[in-house]
Amino acid sequence: MAVDPRAKKGFIEILNGENKGEQIEILYFPPEYSIEKSNTFAEISVPGLESPYLQYVKGNAGSITLEAFYDTYEEGTDVREFTKQLSNLMNIDPELHAPPPLRFIWGMPSQEPFTCVLERVTTRFTMFNSNGIPVRARLSITLKEFKIGLNERERNKQSSDRTKVYVTKQGESLWSIAYKQYGDPALWRHIAYKNRIYDPRSLEPGMELIIPSVE
């Protein structure tokens, strides 16, 4: 079922594989959906500190869950003609040897759409006609984020790849400076070696430290 991508509707577009470009409309626009996103942090223990530093490790795959409703009672047709369009997205594509990547669009397409795969779908048939054919169904859908390239924030990510000068402040340590500059307090030895600091606790305010690049 093809739909106009400019229309304010919800649909799922197949991005690759045998049915690339096909758009599956969510028949009755659901009133809400939920997004889940989380990060993973590692604890870096430093002797003498009351609590460890937290180092960002990675972002975890996000997910969208929603409930779709299909009703073909008035038409008298089998509702499974529509529900199978969604559940079949979990099948292995013969060209990809895996389920196809998708794009979920809610209303107007955003600058950074949600690229995903269909992770889970539960179909409940709630009404049948006199012949036992299902004519009403409710689907619980989970879409898992699928990464196909760097987003704008990742492409613009800044890192300590050039040597710079840093002026120390009251109460700072090499561990805290390494955390600020590199995102990892365990890299303090790079700064110590470059500045010939033999005691990492001997920092005083106003010291000019060379912050070397870290490959």
Protein backbone atom coordinates (compact mmCIF):
# COMPACT_ATOMS: atom_id res chain seq x y z
CA MET A 1 0.00 0.00 0.00
CA ALA A 2 1.83 3.09 -1.23
CA VAL A 3 1.34 6.39 0.56
CA ASP A 4 2.43 9.96 -0.04
CA PRO A 5 5.44 10.54 2.25
CA ARG A 6 4.35 14.17 2.65
CA ALA A 7 1.07 13.14 4.23
CA LYS A 8 0.74 13.36 7.99
CA LYS A 9 0.47 9.61 8.51
CA GLY A 10 2.55 6.87 10.04
CA PHE A 11 4.18 4.30 7.82
CA ILE A 12 7.20 2.05 7.51
CA GLU A 13 9.42 2.19 4.44
CA ILE A 14 11.64 -0.70 3.33
CA LEU A 15 15.12 0.71 2.68
CA ASN A 16 16.87 -2.21 1.02
CA GLY A 17 16.39 -5.66 -0.40
CA GLU A 18 13.87 -7.25 -2.72
CA ASN A 19 11.04 -4.84 -1.79
CA LYS A 20 13.16 -1.69 -1.53
CA GLY A 21 11.07 1.48 -1.58
CA GLU A 22 7.81 -0.18 -0.56
CA GLN A 23 5.86 1.75 2.06
CA ILE A 24 3.51 0.05 4.49
CA GLU A 25 0.91 2.35 5.98
CA ILE A 26 -0.28 1.97 9.54
CA LEU A 27 -3.98 1.76 8.76
CA TYR A 28 -5.35 3.52 11.84
CA PHE A 29 -2.89 6.13 13.05
CA PRO A 30 -2.00 5.21 16.66
CA PRO A 31 -2.42 8.02 19.19
CA GLU A 32 1.00 7.50 20.78
CA TYR A 33 4.27 5.61 20.70
CA SER A 34 7.21 5.32 23.09
CA ILE A 35 10.93 5.70 22.49
CA GLU A 36 13.61 4.08 24.63
CA LYS A 37 17.27 5.13 24.49
CA SER A 38 20.14 4.35 26.88
CA ASN A 39 23.90 4.78 27.25
CA THR A 40 26.63 2.57 28.69
CA PHE A 41 29.20 4.06 31.09
CA ALA A 42 32.25 2.41 32.66
CA GLU A 43 33.47 3.20 36.16
CA ILE A 44 37.13 4.23 36.35
CA SER A 45 38.46 3.82 39.88
CA VAL A 46 41.22 6.23 40.92
CA PRO A 47 43.05 5.67 44.23
CA GLY A 48 42.20 8.29 46.85
CA LEU A 49 38.87 9.37 45.36
CA GLU A 50 35.58 8.80 47.16
CA SER A 51 33.79 7.83 43.97
CA PRO A 52 34.95 6.65 40.53
CA TYR A 53 34.93 8.64 37.32
CA LEU A 54 32.29 7.67 34.81
CA GLN A 55 33.59 7.18 31.29
CA TYR A 56 31.19 7.17 28.37
CA VAL A 57 31.55 3.91 26.44
CA LYS A 58 28.79 3.84 23.85
CA GLY A 59 25.19 4.56 23.10
CA ASN A 60 22.89 1.56 23.00
CA ALA A 61 20.44 0.91 20.21
CA GLY A 62 17.19 2.77 20.67
CA SER A 63 13.77 1.25 20.22
CA ILE A 64 10.26 2.40 19.41
CA THR A 65 7.18 0.55 20.60
CA LEU A 66 3.68 1.25 19.37
CA GLU A 67 0.31 -0.39 18.94
CA ALA A 68 -1.35 -0.52 15.52
CA PHE A 69 -5.04 -1.20 14.95
CA TYR A 70 -6.56 -2.78 11.83
CA ASP A 71 -10.27 -3.13 11.10
CA THR A 72 -11.76 -4.54 7.89
CA TYR A 73 -15.19 -5.40 9.29
CA GLU A 74 -17.11 -3.04 7.02
CA GLU A 75 -15.23 -4.18 3.91
CA GLY A 76 -15.74 -7.82 4.87
CA THR A 77 -12.17 -8.74 3.93
CA ASP A 78 -9.57 -10.72 5.84
CA VAL A 79 -7.62 -8.38 8.13
CA ARG A 80 -4.58 -10.64 7.78
CA GLU A 81 -3.99 -9.14 4.34
CA PHE A 82 -2.79 -6.04 6.21
CA THR A 83 -1.23 -7.56 9.32
CA LYS A 84 0.99 -9.86 7.24
CA GLN A 85 2.52 -6.82 5.54
CA LEU A 86 4.05 -5.92 8.89
CA SER A 87 4.83 -9.37 10.29
CA ASN A 88 6.51 -10.38 7.01
CA LEU A 89 9.12 -7.68 7.65
CA MET A 90 10.70 -10.12 10.10
CA ASN A 91 11.32 -12.66 7.32
CA ILE A 92 14.75 -13.06 5.75
CA ASP A 93 15.10 -11.08 2.55
CA PRO A 94 16.56 -13.28 -0.26
CA GLU A 95 18.88 -10.49 -1.41
CA LEU A 96 20.12 -9.47 2.04
CA HIS A 97 20.06 -12.87 3.77
CA ALA A 98 18.62 -10.98 6.74
CA PRO A 99 15.42 -9.07 7.54
CA PRO A 100 15.39 -5.73 5.67
CA PRO A 101 16.32 -2.38 7.24
CA LEU A 102 13.37 -0.02 7.63
CA ARG A 103 12.55 3.61 8.20
CA PHE A 104 9.76 4.58 10.56
CA ILE A 105 8.05 7.86 9.72
CA TRP A 106 5.58 9.54 12.01
CA GLY A 107 3.90 12.47 10.29
CA MET A 108 6.33 14.64 8.36
CA PRO A 109 9.73 12.98 7.77
CA SER A 110 12.36 14.36 10.12
CA GLN A 111 15.90 15.38 9.23
CA GLU A 112 17.15 12.35 11.12
CA PRO A 113 14.53 9.60 10.63
CA PHE A 114 14.43 6.47 12.74
CA THR A 115 16.21 3.72 10.79
CA CYS A 116 15.39 0.34 12.26
CA VAL A 117 14.51 -3.32 11.90
CA LEU A 118 11.34 -4.99 13.10
CA GLU A 119 12.41 -6.75 16.28
CA ARG A 120 9.07 -8.01 17.59
CA VAL A 121 5.43 -8.04 16.58
CA THR A 122 2.51 -9.55 18.50
CA THR A 123 -0.81 -9.85 16.66
CA ARG A 124 -4.12 -10.26 18.49
CA PHE A 125 -7.25 -10.94 16.46
CA THR A 126 -10.20 -9.48 18.34
CA MET A 127 -13.16 -9.91 15.97
CA PHE A 128 -14.24 -12.51 13.40
CA ASN A 129 -17.03 -12.67 10.84
CA SER A 130 -19.61 -15.45 10.62
CA ASN A 131 -17.16 -17.57 8.61
CA GLY A 132 -14.46 -17.33 11.26
CA ILE A 133 -12.32 -14.96 9.20
CA PRO A 134 -10.57 -12.33 11.36
CA VAL A 135 -11.69 -8.77 10.58
CA ARG A 136 -10.15 -6.84 13.45
CA ALA A 137 -6.62 -6.99 14.86
CA ARG A 138 -4.35 -5.16 17.24
CA LEU A 139 -0.57 -5.33 16.77
CA SER A 140 2.10 -4.57 19.36
CA ILE A 141 5.24 -3.58 17.43
CA THR A 142 8.84 -3.08 18.56
CA LEU A 143 11.28 -1.40 16.16
CA LYS A 144 15.00 -1.64 16.96
CA GLU A 145 17.39 1.08 15.86
CA PHE A 146 19.59 -0.05 12.96
CA LYS A 147 22.78 1.89 12.26
CA ILE A 148 23.71 2.36 8.60
CA GLY A 149 26.14 5.30 8.97
CA LEU A 150 27.30 8.17 11.16
CA ASN A 151 24.75 10.77 12.16
CA GLU A 152 25.44 14.52 12.16
CA ARG A 153 26.52 14.61 15.81
CA GLU A 154 28.99 11.75 15.32
CA ARG A 155 30.49 13.30 12.20
CA ASN A 156 31.08 16.55 14.08
CA LYS A 157 32.42 14.90 17.22
CA GLN A 158 35.47 16.76 18.55
CA SER A 159 38.41 14.96 20.12
CA SER A 160 41.87 15.79 21.43
CA ASP A 161 43.71 15.23 18.16
CA ARG A 162 45.86 18.40 18.33
CA THR A 163 48.38 19.48 20.92
CA LYS A 164 47.11 22.31 23.14
CA VAL A 165 48.06 24.19 26.28
CA TYR A 166 45.96 23.87 29.42
CA VAL A 167 46.18 26.10 32.51
CA THR A 168 45.51 24.20 35.74
CA LYS A 169 42.94 25.31 38.29
CA GLN A 170 42.68 24.92 42.05
CA GLY A 171 42.04 21.34 43.12
CA GLU A 172 42.67 19.75 39.73
CA SER A 173 44.63 16.56 39.21
CA LEU A 174 46.10 14.88 36.17
CA TRP A 175 43.27 12.37 36.35
CA SER A 176 40.59 15.06 36.20
CA ILE A 177 42.39 16.93 33.39
CA ALA A 178 42.76 13.73 31.36
CA TYR A 179 39.05 13.12 31.84
CA LYS A 180 38.21 16.64 30.62
CA GLN A 181 40.52 16.50 27.61
CA TYR A 182 40.29 12.87 26.54
CA GLY A 183 37.18 11.59 28.26
CA ASP A 184 39.32 8.98 30.03
CA PRO A 185 41.15 9.67 33.33
CA ALA A 186 43.35 6.62 32.73
CA LEU A 187 45.20 8.58 30.02
CA TRP A 188 46.82 10.95 32.54
CA ARG A 189 50.26 9.43 31.87
CA HIS A 190 50.32 11.05 28.40
CA ILE A 191 50.13 14.47 30.03
CA ALA A 192 52.61 13.55 32.78
CA TYR A 193 55.18 12.23 30.29
CA LYS A 194 54.86 15.24 27.98
CA ASN A 195 55.31 17.72 30.84
CA ARG A 196 57.89 15.66 32.78
CA ILE A 197 55.70 15.40 35.84
CA TYR A 198 56.92 12.63 38.10
CA ASP A 199 54.40 13.14 40.90
CA PRO A 200 50.83 13.39 39.48
CA ARG A 201 49.65 14.90 42.78
CA SER A 202 52.03 17.87 42.60
CA LEU A 203 49.88 20.16 40.47
CA GLU A 204 49.48 23.80 41.44
CA PRO A 205 46.99 26.36 40.10
CA GLY A 206 48.23 28.32 37.09
CA MET A 207 50.57 25.65 35.72
CA GLU A 208 50.69 25.53 31.93
CA LEU A 209 50.49 21.95 30.72
CA ILE A 210 50.96 20.71 27.21
CA ILE A 211 48.07 18.39 26.31
CA PRO A 212 49.42 16.03 23.64
CA SER A 213 47.31 14.43 20.98
CA VAL A 214 46.26 10.85 21.58
CA GLU A 215 45.94 8.53 18.62
